[in-house]
Protein backbone atom coordinates (compact mmCIF):
# COMPACT_ATOMS: atom_id res chain seq x y z
CA MET A 1 108.04 83.71 95.67
CA PRO A 2 108.18 80.12 97.05
CA ASP A 3 106.68 79.61 100.51
CA SER A 4 110.13 78.96 101.99
CA ALA A 5 111.46 82.25 100.60
CA VAL A 6 108.39 84.11 101.87
CA ALA A 7 108.93 82.68 105.36
CA GLN A 8 112.63 83.51 105.31
CA ALA A 9 111.93 87.09 104.23
CA ALA A 10 109.33 87.42 106.98
CA VAL A 11 111.79 86.17 109.59
CA ARG A 12 114.47 88.60 108.35
CA PHE A 13 112.01 91.48 108.45
CA ALA A 14 110.93 90.76 112.01
CA ALA A 15 114.58 90.47 113.09
CA LEU A 16 115.45 93.87 111.64
CA HIS A 17 113.20 95.47 114.27
CA ARG A 18 115.31 93.93 117.02
CA GLY A 19 118.63 95.29 115.75
CA PRO A 20 120.83 97.71 117.70
CA LYS A 21 120.08 100.58 115.32
CA PRO A 22 117.16 101.53 113.08
CA PHE A 23 117.01 100.34 109.50
CA VAL A 24 115.89 102.54 106.64
CA MET A 25 112.99 101.12 104.64
CA PRO A 26 112.45 103.03 101.37
CA ASN A 27 109.22 102.92 99.42
CA PRO A 28 109.34 101.97 95.72
CA TRP A 29 106.29 102.67 93.60
CA ASP A 30 106.82 100.07 90.85
CA ARG A 31 108.91 97.03 89.96
CA GLY A 32 111.74 99.08 88.50
CA SER A 33 112.18 101.35 91.52
CA ALA A 34 112.07 98.25 93.77
CA ARG A 35 114.92 96.65 91.84
CA ILE A 36 116.98 99.83 91.94
CA LEU A 37 116.56 100.17 95.72
CA GLU A 38 117.42 96.51 96.24
CA HIS A 39 120.53 96.98 94.08
CA MET A 40 121.55 99.94 96.25
CA GLY A 41 121.73 97.75 99.33
CA PHE A 42 118.65 98.41 101.46
CA ASP A 43 117.51 95.63 103.76
CA ALA A 44 113.74 95.90 103.25
CA LEU A 45 111.22 97.79 101.15
CA ALA A 46 107.67 99.06 101.59
CA THR A 47 104.98 100.05 99.16
CA THR A 48 103.72 103.63 99.11
CA SER A 49 100.03 104.34 98.73
CA ALA A 50 100.73 107.86 97.49
CA GLY A 51 103.42 106.81 95.02
CA TYR A 52 101.15 104.15 93.58
CA ALA A 53 98.11 106.45 93.47
CA PHE A 54 100.10 109.16 91.68
CA ALA A 55 101.40 106.59 89.17
CA LEU A 56 97.75 105.79 88.43
CA GLY A 57 96.89 109.47 88.10
CA ARG A 58 94.74 109.42 91.23
CA ARG A 59 94.61 111.17 94.60
CA ASP A 60 95.91 109.46 97.73
CA ALA A 61 94.18 108.93 101.10
CA GLU A 62 90.66 109.38 99.77
CA GLY A 63 89.74 105.84 98.80
CA GLY A 64 90.81 106.27 95.19
CA VAL A 65 92.68 102.95 95.09
CA SER A 66 90.80 99.73 95.78
CA ARG A 67 91.94 96.85 97.92
CA ASP A 68 92.29 94.62 94.86
CA GLU A 69 94.48 97.21 93.15
CA ALA A 70 96.67 97.78 96.21
CA ILE A 71 97.13 94.08 96.88
CA GLY A 72 97.90 93.44 93.22
CA HIS A 73 100.46 96.24 93.24
CA ALA A 74 102.07 94.93 96.42
CA ALA A 75 102.28 91.47 94.84
CA GLU A 76 104.22 92.96 91.93
CA ILE A 77 106.74 94.55 94.32
CA VAL A 78 107.11 91.24 96.19
CA GLN A 79 107.78 89.44 92.91
CA ALA A 80 110.33 92.04 91.80
CA THR A 81 112.68 91.68 94.78
CA ALA A 82 114.12 89.13 97.18
CA LEU A 83 113.92 91.68 100.00
CA PRO A 84 111.17 91.63 102.63
CA VAL A 85 108.33 93.96 101.62
CA ASN A 86 105.96 95.79 103.94
CA GLY A 87 102.57 96.82 102.55
CA ASP A 88 101.22 100.36 102.97
CA LEU A 89 97.57 99.30 103.05
CA GLU A 90 96.04 102.58 104.20
CA ASN A 91 93.06 102.05 106.52
CA GLY A 92 92.58 98.42 105.55
CA PHE A 93 90.16 99.48 102.79
CA GLY A 94 87.17 99.88 105.06
CA THR A 95 86.35 101.03 108.55
CA THR A 96 85.17 97.76 110.10
CA PRO A 97 87.28 95.18 111.92
CA GLU A 98 86.27 92.67 109.24
CA ASP A 99 87.67 94.97 106.54
CA CYS A 100 91.04 95.09 108.31
CA ALA A 101 91.10 91.35 108.88
CA GLU A 102 90.41 90.61 105.22
CA THR A 103 93.06 93.07 104.06
CA VAL A 104 95.70 91.52 106.32
CA ARG A 105 94.66 88.04 105.21
CA GLN A 106 95.19 88.99 101.58
CA ALA A 107 98.44 90.79 102.38
CA ALA A 108 99.90 87.67 103.95
CA ALA A 109 98.66 85.48 101.08
CA ILE A 110 100.68 87.38 98.47
CA GLY A 111 103.94 87.12 100.42
CA LEU A 112 104.24 90.46 102.18
CA ALA A 113 106.43 90.33 105.27
CA GLY A 114 104.15 92.77 107.06
CA CYS A 115 101.78 95.65 106.54
CA SER A 116 100.54 98.84 108.16
CA ILE A 117 96.98 99.78 109.07
CA GLU A 118 95.93 103.40 109.68
CA ASP A 119 93.21 104.65 112.03
CA THR A 120 91.70 106.81 109.28
CA THR A 121 88.31 106.99 107.61
CA ALA A 122 89.35 108.15 104.09
CA ASP A 123 86.99 111.10 104.75
CA LEU A 124 88.98 114.33 105.00
CA ALA A 125 86.08 116.05 106.77
CA ASP A 126 86.27 113.52 109.63
CA PRO A 127 89.56 111.69 109.16
CA ILE A 128 90.21 109.80 112.43
CA ILE A 129 88.33 106.66 113.45
CA ASP A 130 86.90 106.65 116.98
CA PHE A 131 89.25 105.18 119.57
CA GLY A 132 87.28 102.06 120.44
CA LEU A 133 86.67 101.04 116.86
CA ALA A 134 90.29 101.77 115.95
CA VAL A 135 91.46 99.32 118.62
CA GLU A 136 88.93 96.68 117.54
CA ARG A 137 90.25 96.93 114.00
CA ILE A 138 93.82 96.23 115.08
CA ALA A 139 92.67 93.36 117.30
CA ALA A 140 90.89 91.79 114.32
CA ALA A 141 94.04 92.13 112.21
CA VAL A 142 96.11 90.54 114.97
CA GLU A 143 93.80 87.51 115.03
CA VAL A 144 94.64 86.90 111.38
CA VAL A 145 98.37 87.31 112.00
CA ARG A 146 98.36 84.87 114.91
CA ALA A 147 96.74 82.22 112.76
CA LEU A 148 99.57 82.32 110.21
CA ASP A 149 102.35 79.72 110.11
CA ARG A 150 105.06 82.36 109.72
CA PRO A 151 105.91 85.78 111.14
CA PHE A 152 103.99 88.75 109.82
CA THR A 153 104.91 92.17 111.21
CA LEU A 154 101.79 94.25 111.81
CA THR A 155 102.28 98.01 112.09
CA ALA A 156 99.51 100.08 113.67
CA ARG A 157 99.40 103.77 112.76
CA ALA A 158 97.93 106.68 114.73
CA GLU A 159 97.35 109.42 112.18
CA ASN A 160 96.50 112.44 114.40
CA PHE A 161 99.57 114.52 113.56
CA LEU A 162 99.37 113.80 109.84
CA TYR A 163 95.91 115.39 109.83
CA GLY A 164 96.81 118.42 111.96
CA ARG A 165 95.58 117.00 115.26
CA ARG A 166 98.62 117.69 117.42
CA ASP A 167 97.34 115.71 120.39
CA MET A 168 100.21 113.65 121.78
CA ASP A 169 98.17 112.31 124.69
CA ASP A 170 95.57 110.81 122.36
CA THR A 171 98.26 109.60 119.97
CA LEU A 172 100.09 107.73 122.72
CA ARG A 173 96.80 106.41 124.08
CA ARG A 174 96.03 104.95 120.68
CA LEU A 175 99.50 103.54 120.09
CA ASN A 176 99.61 101.85 123.48
CA ALA A 177 96.14 100.40 122.96
CA PHE A 178 97.25 99.09 119.56
CA ALA A 179 100.28 97.52 121.24
CA ASP A 180 98.07 95.90 123.89
CA ALA A 181 95.90 94.53 121.08
CA GLY A 182 98.97 92.83 119.61
CA ALA A 183 100.49 95.20 117.03
CA ASP A 184 104.21 94.58 116.49
CA VAL A 185 105.30 98.07 115.40
CA LEU A 186 103.84 101.50 116.18
CA TYR A 187 103.83 104.53 113.91
CA ALA A 188 102.69 108.14 114.30
CA PRO A 189 103.41 109.87 110.97
CA GLY A 190 103.59 113.64 110.98
CA THR A 191 105.83 113.89 114.05
CA ARG A 192 108.35 116.01 112.19
CA THR A 193 110.58 117.24 115.04
CA ILE A 194 113.05 115.18 117.01
CA ASP A 195 111.31 116.19 120.24
CA LEU A 196 108.04 114.68 119.00
CA VAL A 197 109.86 111.54 117.85
CA ARG A 198 111.38 111.20 121.32
CA GLN A 199 107.97 111.57 122.93
CA VAL A 200 106.54 108.79 120.79
CA CYS A 201 109.49 106.44 121.30
CA GLY A 202 109.59 107.15 125.02
CA GLY A 203 105.85 106.71 125.42
CA VAL A 204 105.49 103.16 124.08
CA ASP A 205 107.13 99.77 124.62
CA LYS A 206 107.07 98.43 121.05
CA PRO A 207 109.36 99.22 118.10
CA VAL A 208 108.56 102.57 116.50
CA ASN A 209 108.60 103.49 112.81
CA VAL A 210 109.43 107.12 112.01
CA LEU A 211 108.59 108.83 108.73
CA ALA A 212 111.65 110.56 107.30
CA SER A 213 111.46 114.34 107.23
CA ALA A 214 113.76 117.06 105.91
CA GLY A 215 114.36 118.27 109.48
CA LEU A 216 115.55 114.91 110.80
CA THR A 217 118.60 112.69 110.33
CA VAL A 218 119.08 108.95 110.67
CA ALA A 219 121.46 109.52 113.58
CA GLU A 220 118.96 111.71 115.45
CA ILE A 221 116.14 109.25 114.91
CA ALA A 222 118.34 106.42 116.16
CA ASP A 223 119.27 108.39 119.25
CA ALA A 224 115.57 109.03 119.91
CA GLY A 225 114.97 105.28 120.09
CA ALA A 226 113.20 104.39 116.82
CA LYS A 227 113.76 101.01 115.19
CA ARG A 228 112.62 101.72 111.63
CA ILE A 229 112.65 104.69 109.27
CA SER A 230 110.37 104.76 106.24
CA LEU A 231 110.31 107.34 103.47
CA GLY A 232 106.64 107.20 102.49
CA SER A 233 106.12 109.05 99.22
CA ALA A 234 109.46 110.93 99.43
CA PHE A 235 111.33 109.02 96.71
CA ALA A 236 108.30 108.99 94.41
CA LEU A 237 107.92 112.75 94.86
CA ALA A 238 111.66 113.22 94.27
CA ALA A 239 111.31 111.36 90.97
CA ILE A 240 108.32 113.52 90.03
CA ARG A 241 110.28 116.64 90.92
CA GLY A 242 113.12 115.50 88.68
CA LEU A 243 110.65 114.97 85.84
CA MET A 244 109.12 118.42 86.34
CA ARG A 245 112.53 120.11 86.48
CA ALA A 246 113.65 118.41 83.28
CA ALA A 247 110.39 119.24 81.52
CA SER A 248 110.63 122.87 82.66
CA GLU A 249 114.16 123.15 81.25
CA VAL A 250 112.96 121.90 77.89
CA GLN A 251 109.93 124.18 77.85
CA GLU A 252 111.50 127.33 79.24
CA GLN A 253 115.09 127.16 77.99
CA GLY A 254 114.92 124.83 75.03
CA THR A 255 117.91 122.90 76.36
CA PHE A 256 118.51 119.32 77.50
CA GLY A 257 121.16 119.80 80.17
CA PHE A 258 119.29 117.49 82.54
CA ALA A 259 120.34 114.57 80.35
CA ALA A 260 123.95 114.99 81.49
CA GLU A 261 122.88 114.13 85.06
CA THR A 262 120.80 111.06 84.35
CA PRO A 263 122.10 107.56 85.16
CA GLY A 264 123.56 105.55 82.33
CA PHE A 265 121.09 103.63 80.20
CA MET A 266 123.21 100.47 80.24
CA ASP A 267 123.67 100.66 84.03
CA ILE A 268 119.93 100.81 84.70
CA ASN A 269 119.22 98.26 82.02
CA ALA A 270 121.55 95.84 83.78
CA ILE A 271 119.72 96.29 87.08
CA MET A 272 116.42 95.53 85.36
CA ALA A 273 117.77 92.19 84.13
CA GLY A 274 116.88 90.57 87.46
CA ARG A 275 114.21 87.90 87.34
CA ASP A 276 110.93 88.02 89.19
CA HIS A 277 110.85 86.09 92.47
CA ASP A 278 107.78 84.02 91.80
């Protein structure tokens, strides 16, 4: 994508967080799904670490995907669409502030409009980074962002609830510290009830991203005060579920009824005719 287009996408992405209602940011897992979601009219996209890991036949959240692989994948999504793209870059691919800074530097260099950084260790036995170090990591990432010649929306994630640590006081403490360090957007995945979403939105002064959940609606999330709704691995998992259902029908019933519900070949082929934005 030309530098001017990258800058324009970054400006559009930042502006979306200042709108009167939240925008939905779905997460494609490859070029094709990015083009389909763009065709369907979404305003921005984000990568999904889980969707990409599963496409590679690997586990998510355990360091199974390298920084080089994730950045390369994000670059492919950026090239496949004219929409702003946010990078799901896990914990910055290392626990040090320098790791986060380098990840954000590379994310900006490939044309991402923003990225998210988690306060996780990639060690399921001890998943959450200590508070002080977590804040230092975001501060280091912010230094990189402030040196850029265009907007870059940095999202800081507090992962307590996603790992079963239902500690709202610590979650808000972390999010507010991340905001003070300069993060643009705050995110506490795993807050799956509207009451928890309200607590997060009411407890911080920066735009909040909410992870879509089966128990929530866009209208409820908007009323709670969030500015952005992401879907994480939901669409990738929905596609996998469709594959498994179709395969089960073939194996168990010997029929191909699923084929009557698939989109038309020519329709999807037409969507894929779009050129890369490089």
